[in-house]
Amino acid sequence: MKDGPCIVNVDGTKIAALCRCGVSNKKPHCDGSHAKISFKADEAKIES
């Protein structure tokens, strides 16, 4: 999800939604707080 949680899938099955905004009351899991604060994620950067 672009500005939402990090979705963890195993064999095509969603097993967790991890908070990226830092505001969730259920850390490390997402509780939807990103929508209330209009969270905007930084662009992903790949480093080697």
PDB file of N, CA and C in Angstrom:
ATOM      1  N   MET A   1       0.847  -1.174   0.000  1.00  0.00           N
ATOM      2  CA  MET A   1       0.000   0.000   0.000  1.00  0.00           C
ATOM      3  C   MET A   1       0.895   1.239   0.000  1.00  0.00           C
ATOM      4  N   LYS A   2       0.688   2.147  -0.915  1.00  0.00           N
ATOM      5  CA  LYS A   2       1.597   3.283  -1.102  1.00  0.00           C
ATOM      6  C   LYS A   2       1.847   4.081   0.173  1.00  0.00           C
ATOM      7  N   ASP A   3       0.830   4.580   0.828  1.00  0.00           N
ATOM      8  CA  ASP A   3       1.012   5.382   2.036  1.00  0.00           C
ATOM      9  C   ASP A   3       0.411   4.703   3.259  1.00  0.00           C
ATOM     10  N   GLY A   4       0.298   3.399   3.199  1.00  0.00           N
ATOM     11  CA  GLY A   4      -0.257   2.644   4.310  1.00  0.00           C
ATOM     12  C   GLY A   4       0.748   1.677   4.892  1.00  0.00           C
ATOM     13  N   PRO A   5       0.263   0.589   5.457  1.00  0.00           N
ATOM     14  CA  PRO A   5       1.142  -0.361   6.126  1.00  0.00           C
ATOM     15  C   PRO A   5       1.981  -1.181   5.155  1.00  0.00           C
ATOM     16  N   CYS A   6       2.979  -1.821   5.715  1.00  0.00           N
ATOM     17  CA  CYS A   6       3.776  -2.795   4.967  1.00  0.00           C
ATOM     18  C   CYS A   6       3.041  -4.125   5.089  1.00  0.00           C
ATOM     19  N   ILE A   7       2.535  -4.633   3.988  1.00  0.00           N
ATOM     20  CA  ILE A   7       1.786  -5.885   4.001  1.00  0.00           C
ATOM     21  C   ILE A   7       2.756  -7.052   3.864  1.00  0.00           C
ATOM     22  N   VAL A   8       2.642  -8.011   4.789  1.00  0.00           N
ATOM     23  CA  VAL A   8       3.496  -9.196   4.767  1.00  0.00           C
ATOM     24  C   VAL A   8       2.666 -10.359   4.244  1.00  0.00           C
ATOM     25  N   ASN A   9       3.099 -10.935   3.123  1.00  0.00           N
ATOM     26  CA  ASN A   9       2.420 -12.080   2.517  1.00  0.00           C
ATOM     27  C   ASN A   9       3.331 -13.298   2.560  1.00  0.00           C
ATOM     28  N   VAL A  10       2.742 -14.446   2.837  1.00  0.00           N
ATOM     29  CA  VAL A  10       3.460 -15.715   2.772  1.00  0.00           C
ATOM     30  C   VAL A  10       2.635 -16.638   1.894  1.00  0.00           C
ATOM     31  N   ASP A  11       3.236 -17.100   0.830  1.00  0.00           N
ATOM     32  CA  ASP A  11       2.550 -17.976  -0.125  1.00  0.00           C
ATOM     33  C   ASP A  11       1.224 -17.380  -0.590  1.00  0.00           C
ATOM     34  N   GLY A  12       1.197 -16.051  -0.806  1.00  0.00           N
ATOM     35  CA  GLY A  12       0.005 -15.384  -1.307  1.00  0.00           C
ATOM     36  C   GLY A  12      -1.046 -15.070  -0.260  1.00  0.00           C
ATOM     37  N   THR A  13      -0.766 -15.361   1.008  1.00  0.00           N
ATOM     38  CA  THR A  13      -1.715 -15.102   2.082  1.00  0.00           C
ATOM     39  C   THR A  13      -1.205 -13.975   2.968  1.00  0.00           C
ATOM     40  N   LYS A  14      -2.043 -12.947   3.170  1.00  0.00           N
ATOM     41  CA  LYS A  14      -1.659 -11.831   4.041  1.00  0.00           C
ATOM     42  C   LYS A  14      -1.608 -12.325   5.479  1.00  0.00           C
ATOM     43  N   ILE A  15      -0.447 -12.159   6.123  1.00  0.00           N
ATOM     44  CA  ILE A  15      -0.337 -12.598   7.511  1.00  0.00           C
ATOM     45  C   ILE A  15      -0.157 -11.439   8.486  1.00  0.00           C
ATOM     46  N   ALA A  16       0.210 -10.249   7.973  1.00  0.00           N
ATOM     47  CA  ALA A  16       0.385  -9.099   8.860  1.00  0.00           C
ATOM     48  C   ALA A  16       0.370  -7.803   8.064  1.00  0.00           C
ATOM     49  N   ALA A  17      -0.031  -6.729   8.735  1.00  0.00           N
ATOM     50  CA  ALA A  17       0.062  -5.372   8.194  1.00  0.00           C
ATOM     51  C   ALA A  17       0.855  -4.578   9.220  1.00  0.00           C
ATOM     52  N   LEU A  18       2.092  -4.222   8.878  1.00  0.00           N
ATOM     53  CA  LEU A  18       2.987  -3.561   9.820  1.00  0.00           C
ATOM     54  C   LEU A  18       2.935  -2.041   9.664  1.00  0.00           C
ATOM     55  N   CYS A  19       2.898  -1.338  10.794  1.00  0.00           N
ATOM     56  CA  CYS A  19       2.825   0.124  10.825  1.00  0.00           C
ATOM     57  C   CYS A  19       4.083   0.751  10.249  1.00  0.00           C
ATOM     58  N   ARG A  20       3.893   1.770   9.397  1.00  0.00           N
ATOM     59  CA  ARG A  20       5.021   2.552   8.879  1.00  0.00           C
ATOM     60  C   ARG A  20       4.930   4.014   9.304  1.00  0.00           C
ATOM     61  N   CYS A  21       3.774   4.448   9.818  1.00  0.00           N
ATOM     62  CA  CYS A  21       3.606   5.862  10.162  1.00  0.00           C
ATOM     63  C   CYS A  21       4.104   6.195  11.564  1.00  0.00           C
ATOM     64  N   GLY A  22       4.204   5.189  12.435  1.00  0.00           N
ATOM     65  CA  GLY A  22       4.678   5.401  13.797  1.00  0.00           C
ATOM     66  C   GLY A  22       3.615   5.837  14.783  1.00  0.00           C
ATOM     67  N   VAL A  23       2.350   5.905  14.363  1.00  0.00           N
ATOM     68  CA  VAL A  23       1.290   6.410  15.226  1.00  0.00           C
ATOM     69  C   VAL A  23       0.363   5.305  15.746  1.00  0.00           C
ATOM     70  N   SER A  24       0.451   4.116  15.216  1.00  0.00           N
ATOM     71  CA  SER A  24      -0.433   3.017  15.593  1.00  0.00           C
ATOM     72  C   SER A  24      -0.387   2.740  17.094  1.00  0.00           C
ATOM     73  N   ASN A  25      -1.547   2.463  17.668  1.00  0.00           N
ATOM     74  CA  ASN A  25      -1.636   2.052  19.070  1.00  0.00           C
ATOM     75  C   ASN A  25      -1.439   0.552  19.214  1.00  0.00           C
ATOM     76  N   LYS A  26      -1.263  -0.148  18.100  1.00  0.00           N
ATOM     77  CA  LYS A  26      -1.088  -1.605  18.112  1.00  0.00           C
ATOM     78  C   LYS A  26       0.255  -2.004  17.524  1.00  0.00           C
ATOM     79  N   LYS A  27       1.277  -1.135  17.638  1.00  0.00           N
ATOM     80  CA  LYS A  27       2.604  -1.412  17.072  1.00  0.00           C
ATOM     81  C   LYS A  27       3.080  -2.793  17.482  1.00  0.00           C
ATOM     82  N   PRO A  28       3.681  -3.536  16.609  1.00  0.00           N
ATOM     83  CA  PRO A  28       4.140  -3.158  15.286  1.00  0.00           C
ATOM     84  C   PRO A  28       3.052  -3.259  14.218  1.00  0.00           C
ATOM     85  N   HIS A  29       1.830  -3.597  14.603  1.00  0.00           N
ATOM     86  CA  HIS A  29       0.755  -3.786  13.629  1.00  0.00           C
ATOM     87  C   HIS A  29       0.033  -2.476  13.328  1.00  0.00           C
ATOM     88  N   CYS A  30      -0.475  -2.376  12.121  1.00  0.00           N
ATOM     89  CA  CYS A  30      -1.222  -1.208  11.671  1.00  0.00           C
ATOM     90  C   CYS A  30      -2.623  -1.217  12.285  1.00  0.00           C
ATOM     91  N   ASP A  31      -3.087  -0.041  12.735  1.00  0.00           N
ATOM     92  CA  ASP A  31      -4.464   0.087  13.213  1.00  0.00           C
ATOM     93  C   ASP A  31      -5.256   1.113  12.400  1.00  0.00           C
ATOM     94  N   GLY A  32      -4.681   1.542  11.269  1.00  0.00           N
ATOM     95  CA  GLY A  32      -5.354   2.496  10.391  1.00  0.00           C
ATOM     96  C   GLY A  32      -5.070   3.957  10.715  1.00  0.00           C
ATOM     97  N   SER A  33      -4.213   4.212  11.708  1.00  0.00           N
ATOM     98  CA  SER A  33      -3.905   5.589  12.103  1.00  0.00           C
ATOM     99  C   SER A  33      -3.313   6.416  10.973  1.00  0.00           C
ATOM    100  N   HIS A  34      -2.641   5.776  10.023  1.00  0.00           N
ATOM    101  CA  HIS A  34      -2.034   6.508   8.906  1.00  0.00           C
ATOM    102  C   HIS A  34      -3.073   7.329   8.143  1.00  0.00           C
ATOM    103  N   ALA A  35      -4.286   6.831   8.060  1.00  0.00           N
ATOM    104  CA  ALA A  35      -5.345   7.545   7.342  1.00  0.00           C
ATOM    105  C   ALA A  35      -5.773   8.801   8.102  1.00  0.00           C
ATOM    106  N   LYS A  36      -5.761   8.743   9.433  1.00  0.00           N
ATOM    107  CA  LYS A  36      -6.186   9.879  10.255  1.00  0.00           C
ATOM    108  C   LYS A  36      -5.178  11.023  10.222  1.00  0.00           C
ATOM    109  N   ILE A  37      -3.895  10.696  10.013  1.00  0.00           N
ATOM    110  CA  ILE A  37      -2.858  11.737  10.028  1.00  0.00           C
ATOM    111  C   ILE A  37      -2.366  12.089   8.625  1.00  0.00           C
ATOM    112  N   SER A  38      -3.010  11.527   7.613  1.00  0.00           N
ATOM    113  CA  SER A  38      -2.619  11.762   6.209  1.00  0.00           C
ATOM    114  C   SER A  38      -1.148  11.444   5.971  1.00  0.00           C
ATOM    115  N   PHE A  39      -0.717  10.286   6.465  1.00  0.00           N
ATOM    116  CA  PHE A  39       0.670   9.834   6.329  1.00  0.00           C
ATOM    117  C   PHE A  39       1.074   9.739   4.866  1.00  0.00           C
ATOM    118  N   LYS A  40       2.236  10.260   4.559  1.00  0.00           N
ATOM    119  CA  LYS A  40       2.826  10.153   3.222  1.00  0.00           C
ATOM    120  C   LYS A  40       4.192   9.505   3.372  1.00  0.00           C
ATOM    121  N   ALA A  41       4.368   8.353   2.751  1.00  0.00           N
ATOM    122  CA  ALA A  41       5.627   7.613   2.839  1.00  0.00           C
ATOM    123  C   ALA A  41       6.691   8.246   1.954  1.00  0.00           C
ATOM    124  N   ASP A  42       7.932   8.182   2.407  1.00  0.00           N
ATOM    125  CA  ASP A  42       9.056   8.597   1.571  1.00  0.00           C
ATOM    126  C   ASP A  42       9.188   7.614   0.418  1.00  0.00           C
ATOM    127  N   GLU A  43       9.787   8.067  -0.663  1.00  0.00           N
ATOM    128  CA  GLU A  43      10.030   7.188  -1.797  1.00  0.00           C
ATOM    129  C   GLU A  43      11.032   6.113  -1.385  1.00  0.00           C
ATOM    130  N   ALA A  44      10.754   4.874  -1.761  1.00  0.00           N
ATOM    131  CA  ALA A  44      11.652   3.764  -1.435  1.00  0.00           C
ATOM    132  C   ALA A  44      12.957   3.903  -2.202  1.00  0.00           C
ATOM    133  N   LYS A  45      14.053   3.609  -1.528  1.00  0.00           N
ATOM    134  CA  LYS A  45      15.367   3.660  -2.160  1.00  0.00           C
ATOM    135  C   LYS A  45      16.040   2.312  -1.993  1.00  0.00           C
ATOM    136  N   ILE A  46      16.566   1.795  -3.078  1.00  0.00           N
ATOM    137  CA  ILE A  46      17.265   0.513  -3.039  1.00  0.00           C
ATOM    138  C   ILE A  46      18.757   0.787  -2.959  1.00  0.00           C
ATOM    139  N   GLU A  47      19.387   0.217  -1.935  1.00  0.00           N
ATOM    140  CA  GLU A  47      20.828   0.377  -1.765  1.00  0.00           C
ATOM    141  C   GLU A  47      21.497  -0.973  -1.920  1.00  0.00           C
ATOM    142  N   SER A  48      22.705  -0.966  -2.445  1.00  0.00           N
ATOM    143  CA  SER A  48      23.415  -2.238  -2.589  1.00  0.00           C
ATOM    144  C   SER A  48      24.710  -2.206  -1.819  1.00  0.00           C
TER     145      SER A  48
END
